Amino acid sequence: MNKLVQFVKESYAELRKVVWPGRDDVVSSVKVVIISTVIIAAALGLVDMLLLVGIRAIF
């Protein structure tokens, strides 16, 4: 039981050292993720379409 209490205390102490991002940082990161996701989805969609056209042309 002592190890569990010690673990909780140490975890709490480590969490107090964390520098949490501000709202602006989080919003900026979310924008980057959404834009990256849309760009990658569009690129994969284009590749899929080109492969489909190529396969239909062969067969």
Protein backbone atom coordinates (compact mmCIF):
# COMPACT_ATOMS: atom_id res chain seq x y z
CA MET A 1 0.00 0.00 0.00
CA ASN A 2 2.91 2.34 0.71
CA LYS A 3 4.16 1.97 -2.86
CA LEU A 4 0.76 2.98 -4.22
CA VAL A 5 0.66 6.10 -2.03
CA GLN A 6 4.22 6.97 -3.02
CA PHE A 7 3.35 6.49 -6.71
CA VAL A 8 0.36 8.83 -6.45
CA LYS A 9 2.41 11.48 -4.65
CA GLU A 10 5.22 11.30 -7.20
CA SER A 11 2.74 11.41 -10.09
CA TYR A 12 1.10 14.49 -8.64
CA ALA A 13 4.52 16.13 -8.18
CA GLU A 14 5.44 15.42 -11.81
CA LEU A 15 2.13 16.80 -13.07
CA ARG A 16 2.83 20.05 -11.24
CA LYS A 17 6.04 20.42 -13.31
CA VAL A 18 4.23 20.14 -16.63
CA VAL A 19 3.93 23.32 -18.68
CA TRP A 20 0.47 23.08 -20.20
CA PRO A 21 -0.10 24.75 -23.59
CA GLY A 22 -2.24 27.84 -23.75
CA ARG A 23 -5.50 28.15 -25.65
CA ASP A 24 -3.80 29.85 -28.63
CA ASP A 25 -1.26 27.03 -28.92
CA VAL A 26 -3.97 24.38 -28.84
CA VAL A 27 -6.11 26.17 -31.43
CA SER A 28 -3.08 26.59 -33.69
CA SER A 29 -2.18 22.91 -33.39
CA VAL A 30 -5.75 21.84 -34.15
CA LYS A 31 -5.77 24.00 -37.28
CA VAL A 32 -2.53 22.41 -38.48
CA VAL A 33 -3.91 18.91 -37.89
CA ILE A 34 -7.18 19.63 -39.70
CA ILE A 35 -5.48 21.25 -42.69
CA SER A 36 -2.93 18.43 -42.92
CA THR A 37 -5.69 15.83 -42.75
CA VAL A 38 -7.65 17.49 -45.56
CA ILE A 39 -4.56 17.80 -47.77
CA ILE A 40 -3.53 14.17 -47.25
CA ALA A 41 -7.11 12.96 -47.83
CA ALA A 42 -7.28 14.92 -51.09
CA ALA A 43 -3.92 13.56 -52.23
CA LEU A 44 -4.91 9.97 -51.43
CA GLY A 45 -8.25 10.49 -53.18
CA LEU A 46 -6.46 11.73 -56.28
CA VAL A 47 -4.07 8.77 -56.27
CA ASP A 48 -7.01 6.39 -55.83
CA MET A 49 -8.86 7.99 -58.73
CA LEU A 50 -5.79 7.82 -60.99
CA LEU A 51 -5.21 4.17 -60.13
CA LEU A 52 -8.86 3.37 -60.81
CA VAL A 53 -8.72 5.11 -64.20
CA GLY A 54 -5.49 3.27 -65.02
CA ILE A 55 -6.86 -0.13 -64.03
CA ARG A 56 -10.06 0.46 -66.04
CA ALA A 57 -7.96 1.45 -69.07
CA ILE A 58 -5.94 -1.77 -68.83
CA PHE A 59 -8.90 -4.10 -68.35
